[in-house]
Amino acid sequence: LQTMSGNEDDWLSLKPQEPSPSQCCGSGCKPCIYDVYEKELAQWERAKAKQDKSLLMEKKEQSNNSELNPDTFTAFSISSVEQLTEDTYQYKFELPGNSSLRLSLGQHIVLRGMVNGLEVQRAYTPISPGNAEGYFEVLMKCYEAGLMSQYIKTWKKGDVVFWRGPFGGFPYQPNKHGELLMLASGTGLTPMLPILQSITDDEEDETFVTLVGCFRTFDKIYLKPLLQDLARYWNIRIFYVLSQETSLEKLPWSYRENTYTGRLDEDLIKTIINSCRRKPFVLICGSSAFNEDMTRYLKAAGIEENSCFVF
């Protein structure tokens, strides 16, 4: 077997690059991009010691298949772009044939973007059911100064973008918890949707769910038709908390009785927990400040940490 001995420069050009902090999405993925780097570096060191470049080839083969993979980024093309609110978009990505991502509930995937020559990675949770065939959908909020947002805003139908995963997730089991209380702020709604859909799709699953969605204004509530459909199920209740609305009079009448103005504070949390049929298991997803506040309010309301899961 012929070994290809190369000069020092050749080997240096093949050495994996250490990730920059912007490339870590901070979501605790396993493997993290730093884990992948360590693995590739060890592989490079082994190949260099043996002066055999063919030992570096294995990682190249993985990214050609079009299946999601936690270790390498895979290309997916955008099949549609839909603007939901002034700063929120729903993107649909193609999957080959009628394959599905096969995500377990609430799992996230990591997007890689290039902005001004800087590589950025962020985690997003698909909102399509985990068994959706031939596509997956992701809800994304674009921030004025966000690095990844600058990249996402340029997307159009037919563009190709790179994802890896899946990671994390909530180990949901039908009927394990009598009642779930979901506290979601803004796009924190996304990991809740696949769980809600799996409950409504399963006639045997009698879990009772109270979803509390926190948004700034009525116009900023995402996916209203989907949420209205879910709220028709006997075991699903949905409340909205609108921090910048002052009165309910302008809202459609069908929203008035289950909407609160102001912030989701300790008193409102207690009121909602008291209206639950039994002591709930709580799922929380929002900004880190929102997650910390909710955990604190729940503790004051007598919900222990082992009865909460933070995405």
C-alpha atoms as a PDB file:
ATOM      1  CA  LEU A   1       0.000   0.000   0.000  1.00  0.00           C
ATOM      2  CA  GLN A   2       1.495   3.263  -1.090  1.00  0.00           C
ATOM      3  CA  THR A   3       1.817   5.890   1.642  1.00  0.00           C
ATOM      4  CA  MET A   4       1.826   9.442   0.421  1.00  0.00           C
ATOM      5  CA  SER A   5       4.526  11.271   2.310  1.00  0.00           C
ATOM      6  CA  GLY A   6       4.030  15.011   2.036  1.00  0.00           C
ATOM      7  CA  ASN A   7       6.127  17.945   3.080  1.00  0.00           C
ATOM      8  CA  GLU A   8       5.510  19.930   6.260  1.00  0.00           C
ATOM      9  CA  ASP A   9       3.517  22.699   4.522  1.00  0.00           C
ATOM     10  CA  ASP A  10       1.196  20.138   2.993  1.00  0.00           C
ATOM     11  CA  TRP A  11       0.443  18.689   6.397  1.00  0.00           C
ATOM     12  CA  LEU A  12      -0.071  22.120   7.967  1.00  0.00           C
ATOM     13  CA  SER A  13      -2.617  23.017   5.285  1.00  0.00           C
ATOM     14  CA  LEU A  14      -4.566  19.864   6.213  1.00  0.00           C
ATOM     15  CA  LYS A  15      -4.517  20.568   9.954  1.00  0.00           C
ATOM     16  CA  PRO A  16      -8.040  21.202  11.321  1.00  0.00           C
ATOM     17  CA  GLN A  17      -8.716  24.787  12.395  1.00  0.00           C
ATOM     18  CA  GLU A  18      -9.550  25.393  16.037  1.00  0.00           C
ATOM     19  CA  PRO A  19     -13.120  26.791  16.262  1.00  0.00           C
ATOM     20  CA  SER A  20     -13.601  30.416  17.257  1.00  0.00           C
ATOM     21  CA  PRO A  21     -16.056  31.234  20.107  1.00  0.00           C
ATOM     22  CA  SER A  22     -18.665  32.443  17.551  1.00  0.00           C
ATOM     23  CA  GLN A  23     -18.809  28.928  16.140  1.00  0.00           C
ATOM     24  CA  CYS A  24     -20.131  27.436  19.381  1.00  0.00           C
ATOM     25  CA  CYS A  25     -23.912  27.858  19.671  1.00  0.00           C
ATOM     26  CA  GLY A  26     -23.767  27.464  23.464  1.00  0.00           C
ATOM     27  CA  SER A  27     -26.589  24.920  23.602  1.00  0.00           C
ATOM     28  CA  GLY A  28     -24.598  22.054  25.087  1.00  0.00           C
ATOM     29  CA  CYS A  29     -24.595  19.901  21.929  1.00  0.00           C
ATOM     30  CA  LYS A  30     -23.001  16.466  22.081  1.00  0.00           C
ATOM     31  CA  PRO A  31     -20.691  16.480  20.217  1.00  0.00           C
ATOM     32  CA  CYS A  32     -19.960  20.195  20.532  1.00  0.00           C
ATOM     33  CA  ILE A  33     -17.991  21.764  17.680  1.00  0.00           C
ATOM     34  CA  TYR A  34     -14.989  21.696  20.041  1.00  0.00           C
ATOM     35  CA  ASP A  35     -15.427  17.917  20.490  1.00  0.00           C
ATOM     36  CA  VAL A  36     -15.490  17.513  16.705  1.00  0.00           C
ATOM     37  CA  TYR A  37     -12.300  19.606  16.469  1.00  0.00           C
ATOM     38  CA  GLU A  38     -10.521  17.476  19.114  1.00  0.00           C
ATOM     39  CA  LYS A  39     -11.502  14.316  17.237  1.00  0.00           C
ATOM     40  CA  GLU A  40     -10.328  15.699  13.867  1.00  0.00           C
ATOM     41  CA  LEU A  41      -7.085  16.975  15.407  1.00  0.00           C
ATOM     42  CA  ALA A  42      -6.333  13.532  16.885  1.00  0.00           C
ATOM     43  CA  GLN A  43      -7.097  11.972  13.495  1.00  0.00           C
ATOM     44  CA  TRP A  44      -4.750  14.480  11.794  1.00  0.00           C
ATOM     45  CA  GLU A  45      -1.982  13.795  14.321  1.00  0.00           C
ATOM     46  CA  ARG A  46      -2.284  10.021  13.746  1.00  0.00           C
ATOM     47  CA  ALA A  47      -2.174  10.480   9.969  1.00  0.00           C
ATOM     48  CA  LYS A  48       0.825  12.836  10.186  1.00  0.00           C
ATOM     49  CA  ALA A  49       2.725  10.451  12.473  1.00  0.00           C
ATOM     50  CA  LYS A  50       2.231   7.695   9.903  1.00  0.00           C
ATOM     51  CA  GLN A  51       2.704  10.118   6.972  1.00  0.00           C
ATOM     52  CA  ASP A  52      -0.477   8.674   5.452  1.00  0.00           C
ATOM     53  CA  LYS A  53      -3.032  11.177   4.142  1.00  0.00           C
ATOM     54  CA  SER A  54      -5.552   8.474   3.311  1.00  0.00           C
ATOM     55  CA  LEU A  55      -6.265   8.290   7.066  1.00  0.00           C
ATOM     56  CA  LEU A  56      -7.839  11.748   6.765  1.00  0.00           C
ATOM     57  CA  MET A  57     -10.376  10.699   4.159  1.00  0.00           C
ATOM     58  CA  GLU A  58     -13.071   9.157   6.371  1.00  0.00           C
ATOM     59  CA  LYS A  59     -14.558  12.447   7.508  1.00  0.00           C
ATOM     60  CA  LYS A  60     -15.043  13.710   3.936  1.00  0.00           C
ATOM     61  CA  GLU A  61     -17.326  10.851   2.960  1.00  0.00           C
ATOM     62  CA  GLN A  62     -19.952  11.564   5.612  1.00  0.00           C
ATOM     63  CA  SER A  63     -21.025  14.983   4.395  1.00  0.00           C
ATOM     64  CA  ASN A  64     -22.017  13.768   0.921  1.00  0.00           C
ATOM     65  CA  ASN A  65     -25.055  11.844   2.020  1.00  0.00           C
ATOM     66  CA  SER A  66     -28.028  14.093   2.625  1.00  0.00           C
ATOM     67  CA  GLU A  67     -28.897  12.813   6.083  1.00  0.00           C
ATOM     68  CA  LEU A  68     -28.644  14.954   9.164  1.00  0.00           C
ATOM     69  CA  ASN A  69     -25.554  14.048  11.161  1.00  0.00           C
ATOM     70  CA  PRO A  70     -24.343  15.328  14.559  1.00  0.00           C
ATOM     71  CA  ASP A  71     -20.665  15.307  13.559  1.00  0.00           C
ATOM     72  CA  THR A  72     -20.640  16.973  10.151  1.00  0.00           C
ATOM     73  CA  PHE A  73     -22.688  19.653   8.437  1.00  0.00           C
ATOM     74  CA  THR A  74     -25.067  18.515   5.697  1.00  0.00           C
ATOM     75  CA  ALA A  75     -26.453  20.695   2.893  1.00  0.00           C
ATOM     76  CA  PHE A  76     -30.234  21.224   2.655  1.00  0.00           C
ATOM     77  CA  SER A  77     -32.004  23.420   0.141  1.00  0.00           C
ATOM     78  CA  ILE A  78     -34.707  25.944   1.021  1.00  0.00           C
ATOM     79  CA  SER A  79     -38.044  25.130  -0.606  1.00  0.00           C
ATOM     80  CA  SER A  80     -40.049  28.073   0.758  1.00  0.00           C
ATOM     81  CA  VAL A  81     -39.719  31.273   2.768  1.00  0.00           C
ATOM     82  CA  GLU A  82     -42.736  32.757   4.563  1.00  0.00           C
ATOM     83  CA  GLN A  83     -42.705  35.960   6.592  1.00  0.00           C
ATOM     84  CA  LEU A  84     -44.885  35.578   9.711  1.00  0.00           C
ATOM     85  CA  THR A  85     -44.326  38.898  11.494  1.00  0.00           C
ATOM     86  CA  GLU A  86     -42.096  41.886  10.799  1.00  0.00           C
ATOM     87  CA  ASP A  87     -39.036  40.025  12.134  1.00  0.00           C
ATOM     88  CA  THR A  88     -40.027  36.344  12.085  1.00  0.00           C
ATOM     89  CA  TYR A  89     -39.833  33.931   9.178  1.00  0.00           C
ATOM     90  CA  GLN A  90     -40.791  30.308   8.590  1.00  0.00           C
ATOM     91  CA  TYR A  91     -38.394  28.372   6.360  1.00  0.00           C
ATOM     92  CA  LYS A  92     -39.092  25.020   4.766  1.00  0.00           C
ATOM     93  CA  PHE A  93     -36.168  22.739   3.835  1.00  0.00           C
ATOM     94  CA  GLU A  94     -36.201  19.802   1.446  1.00  0.00           C
ATOM     95  CA  LEU A  95     -35.348  16.281   2.543  1.00  0.00           C
ATOM     96  CA  PRO A  96     -34.444  13.726  -0.136  1.00  0.00           C
ATOM     97  CA  GLY A  97     -37.259  11.439  -1.280  1.00  0.00           C
ATOM     98  CA  ASN A  98     -39.791  11.059   1.507  1.00  0.00           C
ATOM     99  CA  SER A  99     -37.204  10.746   4.276  1.00  0.00           C
ATOM    100  CA  SER A 100     -37.745  12.465   7.627  1.00  0.00           C
ATOM    101  CA  LEU A 101     -35.387  14.044  10.175  1.00  0.00           C
ATOM    102  CA  ARG A 102     -36.594  11.537  12.806  1.00  0.00           C
ATOM    103  CA  LEU A 103     -36.085  14.030  15.624  1.00  0.00           C
ATOM    104  CA  SER A 104     -37.223  13.143  19.074  1.00  0.00           C
ATOM    105  CA  LEU A 105     -39.377  15.773  20.747  1.00  0.00           C
ATOM    106  CA  GLY A 106     -37.938  19.225  21.245  1.00  0.00           C
ATOM    107  CA  GLN A 107     -34.552  18.344  19.770  1.00  0.00           C
ATOM    108  CA  HIS A 108     -32.587  21.149  18.158  1.00  0.00           C
ATOM    109  CA  ILE A 109     -30.324  21.308  15.117  1.00  0.00           C
ATOM    110  CA  VAL A 110     -27.386  23.651  14.550  1.00  0.00           C
ATOM    111  CA  LEU A 111     -27.106  26.039  11.604  1.00  0.00           C
ATOM    112  CA  ARG A 112     -23.787  27.230  10.198  1.00  0.00           C
ATOM    113  CA  GLY A 113     -23.619  30.696   8.667  1.00  0.00           C
ATOM    114  CA  MET A 114     -20.879  32.875   7.202  1.00  0.00           C
ATOM    115  CA  VAL A 115     -21.033  36.602   7.971  1.00  0.00           C
ATOM    116  CA  ASN A 116     -18.232  38.911   6.799  1.00  0.00           C
ATOM    117  CA  GLY A 117     -15.854  35.960   6.703  1.00  0.00           C
ATOM    118  CA  LEU A 118     -16.776  34.920  10.262  1.00  0.00           C
ATOM    119  CA  GLU A 119     -18.340  31.503  10.817  1.00  0.00           C
ATOM    120  CA  VAL A 120     -21.313  31.598  13.215  1.00  0.00           C
ATOM    121  CA  GLN A 121     -23.380  28.710  14.570  1.00  0.00           C
ATOM    122  CA  ARG A 122     -26.791  28.846  16.240  1.00  0.00           C
ATOM    123  CA  ALA A 123     -29.255  26.240  17.483  1.00  0.00           C
ATOM    124  CA  TYR A 124     -32.879  26.107  16.276  1.00  0.00           C
ATOM    125  CA  THR A 125     -35.732  23.708  16.984  1.00  0.00           C
ATOM    126  CA  PRO A 126     -37.739  22.553  13.943  1.00  0.00           C
ATOM    127  CA  ILE A 127     -41.474  23.151  14.353  1.00  0.00           C
ATOM    128  CA  SER A 128     -42.524  20.434  11.891  1.00  0.00           C
ATOM    129  CA  PRO A 129     -43.462  17.033  13.364  1.00  0.00           C
ATOM    130  CA  GLY A 130     -40.391  14.805  13.800  1.00  0.00           C
ATOM    131  CA  ASN A 131     -41.845  12.277  11.341  1.00  0.00           C
ATOM    132  CA  ALA A 132     -42.731  14.841   8.617  1.00  0.00           C
ATOM    133  CA  GLU A 133     -41.699  13.306   5.287  1.00  0.00           C
ATOM    134  CA  GLY A 134     -39.718  15.097   2.595  1.00  0.00           C
ATOM    135  CA  TYR A 135     -39.281  18.362   4.470  1.00  0.00           C
ATOM    136  CA  PHE A 136     -38.671  20.090   7.782  1.00  0.00           C
ATOM    137  CA  GLU A 137     -39.625  23.600   8.902  1.00  0.00           C
ATOM    138  CA  VAL A 138     -37.858  26.062  11.173  1.00  0.00           C
ATOM    139  CA  LEU A 139     -39.174  29.300  12.694  1.00  0.00           C
ATOM    140  CA  MET A 140     -36.514  32.004  12.929  1.00  0.00           C
ATOM    141  CA  LYS A 141     -36.494  35.449  14.450  1.00  0.00           C
ATOM    142  CA  CYS A 142     -34.169  38.008  12.878  1.00  0.00           C
ATOM    143  CA  TYR A 143     -32.580  40.540  15.212  1.00  0.00           C
ATOM    144  CA  GLU A 144     -31.430  43.938  13.951  1.00  0.00           C
ATOM    145  CA  ALA A 145     -27.825  43.471  15.079  1.00  0.00           C
ATOM    146  CA  GLY A 146     -27.693  39.666  15.116  1.00  0.00           C
ATOM    147  CA  LEU A 147     -24.796  38.126  13.184  1.00  0.00           C
ATOM    148  CA  MET A 148     -26.747  35.035  12.152  1.00  0.00           C
ATOM    149  CA  SER A 149     -29.772  37.217  11.334  1.00  0.00           C
ATOM    150  CA  GLN A 150     -27.745  39.123   8.732  1.00  0.00           C
ATOM    151  CA  TYR A 151     -27.027  35.795   7.040  1.00  0.00           C
ATOM    152  CA  ILE A 152     -30.604  34.464   7.311  1.00  0.00           C
ATOM    153  CA  LYS A 153     -32.101  37.683   5.863  1.00  0.00           C
ATOM    154  CA  THR A 154     -30.351  36.990   2.553  1.00  0.00           C
ATOM    155  CA  TRP A 155     -31.997  33.561   2.089  1.00  0.00           C
ATOM    156  CA  LYS A 156     -34.336  32.862  -0.779  1.00  0.00           C
ATOM    157  CA  LYS A 157     -36.000  29.792  -2.230  1.00  0.00           C
ATOM    158  CA  GLY A 158     -33.454  27.403  -3.745  1.00  0.00           C
ATOM    159  CA  ASP A 159     -30.548  28.508  -1.538  1.00  0.00           C
ATOM    160  CA  VAL A 160     -28.518  25.779   0.153  1.00  0.00           C
ATOM    161  CA  VAL A 161     -27.668  25.979   3.858  1.00  0.00           C
ATOM    162  CA  PHE A 162     -25.827  23.681   6.256  1.00  0.00           C
ATOM    163  CA  TRP A 163     -27.210  21.953   9.361  1.00  0.00           C
ATOM    164  CA  ARG A 164     -25.932  19.347  11.810  1.00  0.00           C
ATOM    165  CA  GLY A 165     -27.640  17.501  14.646  1.00  0.00           C
ATOM    166  CA  PRO A 166     -29.902  16.503  16.244  1.00  0.00           C
ATOM    167  CA  PHE A 167     -29.095  17.432  19.857  1.00  0.00           C
ATOM    168  CA  GLY A 168     -30.830  17.654  23.211  1.00  0.00           C
ATOM    169  CA  GLY A 169     -34.566  17.305  23.473  1.00  0.00           C
ATOM    170  CA  PHE A 170     -37.092  16.531  26.155  1.00  0.00           C
ATOM    171  CA  PRO A 171     -37.588  12.801  26.759  1.00  0.00           C
ATOM    172  CA  TYR A 172     -41.384  12.979  26.454  1.00  0.00           C
ATOM    173  CA  GLN A 173     -43.436   9.842  27.142  1.00  0.00           C
ATOM    174  CA  PRO A 174     -47.201   9.709  26.582  1.00  0.00           C
ATOM    175  CA  ASN A 175     -49.260   9.778  29.804  1.00  0.00           C
ATOM    176  CA  LYS A 176     -46.146   9.968  32.008  1.00  0.00           C
ATOM    177  CA  HIS A 177     -47.208  13.355  33.383  1.00  0.00           C
ATOM    178  CA  GLY A 178     -50.870  14.005  34.128  1.00  0.00           C
ATOM    179  CA  GLU A 179     -50.491  17.636  33.128  1.00  0.00           C
ATOM    180  CA  LEU A 180     -47.835  19.662  31.345  1.00  0.00           C
ATOM    181  CA  LEU A 181     -47.508  23.409  31.823  1.00  0.00           C
ATOM    182  CA  MET A 182     -45.558  24.996  28.950  1.00  0.00           C
ATOM    183  CA  LEU A 183     -44.124  28.477  29.518  1.00  0.00           C
ATOM    184  CA  ALA A 184     -42.837  29.893  26.227  1.00  0.00           C
ATOM    185  CA  SER A 185     -41.564  33.345  25.356  1.00  0.00           C
ATOM    186  CA  GLY A 186     -41.462  34.363  21.677  1.00  0.00           C
ATOM    187  CA  THR A 187     -39.682  31.762  19.545  1.00  0.00           C
ATOM    188  CA  GLY A 188     -39.432  29.669  22.740  1.00  0.00           C
ATOM    189  CA  LEU A 189     -42.704  28.326  21.381  1.00  0.00           C
ATOM    190  CA  THR A 190     -40.803  26.175  18.867  1.00  0.00           C
ATOM    191  CA  PRO A 191     -39.789  23.156  21.009  1.00  0.00           C
ATOM    192  CA  MET A 192     -43.319  23.038  22.476  1.00  0.00           C
ATOM    193  CA  LEU A 193     -45.067  22.533  19.127  1.00  0.00           C
ATOM    194  CA  PRO A 194     -43.773  19.037  18.231  1.00  0.00           C
ATOM    195  CA  ILE A 195     -44.726  17.866  21.756  1.00  0.00           C
ATOM    196  CA  LEU A 196     -48.231  19.359  21.440  1.00  0.00           C
ATOM    197  CA  GLN A 197     -48.663  17.791  18.011  1.00  0.00           C
ATOM    198  CA  SER A 198     -47.531  14.384  19.206  1.00  0.00           C
ATOM    199  CA  ILE A 199     -50.101  14.565  22.039  1.00  0.00           C
ATOM    200  CA  THR A 200     -52.970  15.580  19.738  1.00  0.00           C
ATOM    201  CA  ASP A 201     -51.961  12.939  17.130  1.00  0.00           C
ATOM    202  CA  ASP A 202     -52.053  10.124  19.685  1.00  0.00           C
ATOM    203  CA  GLU A 203     -55.586   9.213  20.749  1.00  0.00           C
ATOM    204  CA  GLU A 204     -54.209   7.133  23.618  1.00  0.00           C
ATOM    205  CA  ASP A 205     -52.315  10.107  25.061  1.00  0.00           C
ATOM    206  CA  GLU A 206     -54.530  11.864  27.604  1.00  0.00           C
ATOM    207  CA  THR A 207     -51.940  14.299  28.933  1.00  0.00           C
ATOM    208  CA  PHE A 208     -53.575  17.633  29.764  1.00  0.00           C
ATOM    209  CA  VAL A 209     -51.558  20.640  28.536  1.00  0.00           C
ATOM    210  CA  THR A 210     -51.629  24.322  29.452  1.00  0.00           C
ATOM    211  CA  LEU A 211     -49.495  26.415  27.104  1.00  0.00           C
ATOM    212  CA  VAL A 212     -48.683  29.987  28.126  1.00  0.00           C
ATOM    213  CA  GLY A 213     -47.267  32.001  25.218  1.00  0.00           C
ATOM    214  CA  CYS A 214     -45.613  35.329  26.063  1.00  0.00           C
ATOM    215  CA  PHE A 215     -45.396  37.932  23.299  1.00  0.00           C
ATOM    216  CA  ARG A 216     -45.060  41.695  23.177  1.00  0.00           C
ATOM    217  CA  THR A 217     -48.265  42.391  21.238  1.00  0.00           C
ATOM    218  CA  PHE A 218     -51.124  40.478  19.639  1.00  0.00           C
ATOM    219  CA  ASP A 219     -49.546  40.970  16.184  1.00  0.00           C
ATOM    220  CA  LYS A 220     -46.371  39.267  17.386  1.00  0.00           C
ATOM    221  CA  ILE A 221     -48.069  35.933  18.205  1.00  0.00           C
ATOM    222  CA  TYR A 222     -46.656  33.361  15.777  1.00  0.00           C
ATOM    223  CA  LEU A 223     -48.605  30.635  13.998  1.00  0.00           C
ATOM    224  CA  LYS A 224     -52.043  31.749  15.233  1.00  0.00           C
ATOM    225  CA  PRO A 225     -54.003  29.335  12.983  1.00  0.00           C
ATOM    226  CA  LEU A 226     -51.987  26.346  14.225  1.00  0.00           C
ATOM    227  CA  LEU A 227     -52.383  27.401  17.871  1.00  0.00           C
ATOM    228  CA  GLN A 228     -56.138  27.973  17.415  1.00  0.00           C
ATOM    229  CA  ASP A 229     -56.434  24.456  15.943  1.00  0.00           C
ATOM    230  CA  LEU A 230     -54.537  22.935  18.871  1.00  0.00           C
ATOM    231  CA  ALA A 231     -56.694  24.825  21.388  1.00  0.00           C
ATOM    232  CA  ARG A 232     -59.793  23.027  20.050  1.00  0.00           C
ATOM    233  CA  TYR A 233     -58.613  19.726  21.552  1.00  0.00           C
ATOM    234  CA  TRP A 234     -60.278  18.797  24.831  1.00  0.00           C
ATOM    235  CA  ASN A 235     -56.954  18.429  26.640  1.00  0.00           C
ATOM    236  CA  ILE A 236     -55.173  21.595  25.411  1.00  0.00           C
ATOM    237  CA  ARG A 237     -55.565  25.087  26.886  1.00  0.00           C
ATOM    238  CA  ILE A 238     -53.662  28.072  25.530  1.00  0.00           C
ATOM    239  CA  PHE A 239     -53.168  31.388  27.318  1.00  0.00           C
ATOM    240  CA  TYR A 240     -51.439  34.450  25.920  1.00  0.00           C
ATOM    241  CA  VAL A 241     -49.571  37.060  27.962  1.00  0.00           C
ATOM    242  CA  LEU A 242     -48.964  40.281  26.017  1.00  0.00           C
ATOM    243  CA  SER A 243     -46.460  42.556  27.720  1.00  0.00           C
ATOM    244  CA  GLN A 244     -47.056  45.671  25.614  1.00  0.00           C
ATOM    245  CA  GLU A 245     -50.841  45.555  25.157  1.00  0.00           C
ATOM    246  CA  THR A 246     -52.731  47.744  27.605  1.00  0.00           C
ATOM    247  CA  SER A 247     -56.279  46.614  26.929  1.00  0.00           C
ATOM    248  CA  LEU A 248     -57.997  43.541  25.500  1.00  0.00           C
ATOM    249  CA  GLU A 249     -60.680  45.570  23.708  1.00  0.00           C
ATOM    250  CA  LYS A 250     -58.869  45.617  20.358  1.00  0.00           C
ATOM    251  CA  LEU A 251     -58.365  41.835  20.331  1.00  0.00           C
ATOM    252  CA  PRO A 252     -60.739  39.474  18.483  1.00  0.00           C
ATOM    253  CA  TRP A 253     -63.356  38.312  21.005  1.00  0.00           C
ATOM    254  CA  SER A 254     -62.194  34.682  20.717  1.00  0.00           C
ATOM    255  CA  TYR A 255     -58.883  35.693  22.325  1.00  0.00           C
ATOM    256  CA  ARG A 256     -60.129  37.902  25.137  1.00  0.00           C
ATOM    257  CA  GLU A 257     -60.969  35.344  27.784  1.00  0.00           C
ATOM    258  CA  ASN A 258     -57.612  33.546  27.562  1.00  0.00           C
ATOM    259  CA  THR A 259     -55.300  36.565  27.189  1.00  0.00           C
ATOM    260  CA  TYR A 260     -53.607  38.624  29.913  1.00  0.00           C
ATOM    261  CA  THR A 261     -51.912  41.983  29.502  1.00  0.00           C
ATOM    262  CA  GLY A 262     -48.668  42.868  31.249  1.00  0.00           C
ATOM    263  CA  ARG A 263     -45.929  40.418  32.157  1.00  0.00           C
ATOM    264  CA  LEU A 264     -45.991  36.803  33.244  1.00  0.00           C
ATOM    265  CA  ASP A 265     -45.185  37.411  36.912  1.00  0.00           C
ATOM    266  CA  GLU A 266     -45.268  35.387  40.105  1.00  0.00           C
ATOM    267  CA  ASP A 267     -48.956  36.101  40.800  1.00  0.00           C
ATOM    268  CA  LEU A 268     -50.080  35.117  37.316  1.00  0.00           C
ATOM    269  CA  ILE A 269     -47.992  31.919  37.466  1.00  0.00           C
ATOM    270  CA  LYS A 270     -49.728  31.025  40.758  1.00  0.00           C
ATOM    271  CA  THR A 271     -53.164  31.750  39.229  1.00  0.00           C
ATOM    272  CA  ILE A 272     -52.419  29.528  36.211  1.00  0.00           C
ATOM    273  CA  ILE A 273     -50.996  26.691  38.339  1.00  0.00           C
ATOM    274  CA  ASN A 274     -54.087  26.850  40.579  1.00  0.00           C
ATOM    275  CA  SER A 275     -56.269  26.479  37.488  1.00  0.00           C
ATOM    276  CA  CYS A 276     -54.445  23.285  36.436  1.00  0.00           C
ATOM    277  CA  ARG A 277     -56.259  20.042  37.198  1.00  0.00           C
ATOM    278  CA  ARG A 278     -53.289  18.619  39.039  1.00  0.00           C
ATOM    279  CA  LYS A 279     -49.743  19.644  39.899  1.00  0.00           C
ATOM    280  CA  PRO A 280     -48.072  20.113  36.502  1.00  0.00           C
ATOM    281  CA  PHE A 281     -44.696  19.155  35.118  1.00  0.00           C
ATOM    282  CA  VAL A 282     -43.331  22.405  33.635  1.00  0.00           C
ATOM    283  CA  LEU A 283     -41.457  22.985  30.366  1.00  0.00           C
ATOM    284  CA  ILE A 284     -39.757  26.375  29.959  1.00  0.00           C
ATOM    285  CA  CYS A 285     -38.243  27.985  26.876  1.00  0.00           C
ATOM    286  CA  GLY A 286     -37.262  31.592  26.275  1.00  0.00           C
ATOM    287  CA  SER A 287     -34.353  33.954  26.812  1.00  0.00           C
ATOM    288  CA  SER A 288     -32.014  33.140  29.689  1.00  0.00           C
ATOM    289  CA  ALA A 289     -33.598  35.974  31.713  1.00  0.00           C
ATOM    290  CA  PHE A 290     -37.092  34.556  31.068  1.00  0.00           C
ATOM    291  CA  ASN A 291     -35.953  31.033  32.022  1.00  0.00           C
ATOM    292  CA  GLU A 292     -34.418  32.283  35.286  1.00  0.00           C
ATOM    293  CA  ASP A 293     -37.504  34.338  36.204  1.00  0.00           C
ATOM    294  CA  MET A 294     -39.851  31.422  35.506  1.00  0.00           C
ATOM    295  CA  THR A 295     -37.764  28.986  37.542  1.00  0.00           C
ATOM    296  CA  ARG A 296     -37.858  31.446  40.458  1.00  0.00           C
ATOM    297  CA  TYR A 297     -41.640  32.045  40.214  1.00  0.00           C
ATOM    298  CA  LEU A 298     -42.318  28.294  40.001  1.00  0.00           C
ATOM    299  CA  LYS A 299     -40.258  27.669  43.117  1.00  0.00           C
ATOM    300  CA  ALA A 300     -42.309  30.313  44.947  1.00  0.00           C
ATOM    301  CA  ALA A 301     -45.445  28.524  43.725  1.00  0.00           C
ATOM    302  CA  GLY A 302     -44.222  25.222  45.183  1.00  0.00           C
ATOM    303  CA  ILE A 303     -43.002  23.548  41.974  1.00  0.00           C
ATOM    304  CA  GLU A 304     -39.684  21.819  42.626  1.00  0.00           C
ATOM    305  CA  GLU A 305     -36.764  21.772  40.202  1.00  0.00           C
ATOM    306  CA  ASN A 306     -37.226  18.081  39.458  1.00  0.00           C
ATOM    307  CA  SER A 307     -40.682  18.968  38.080  1.00  0.00           C
ATOM    308  CA  CYS A 308     -39.248  21.415  35.508  1.00  0.00           C
ATOM    309  CA  PHE A 309     -37.363  21.065  32.243  1.00  0.00           C
ATOM    310  CA  VAL A 310     -35.649  24.083  30.640  1.00  0.00           C
ATOM    311  CA  PHE A 311     -34.888  23.903  26.915  1.00  0.00           C
END
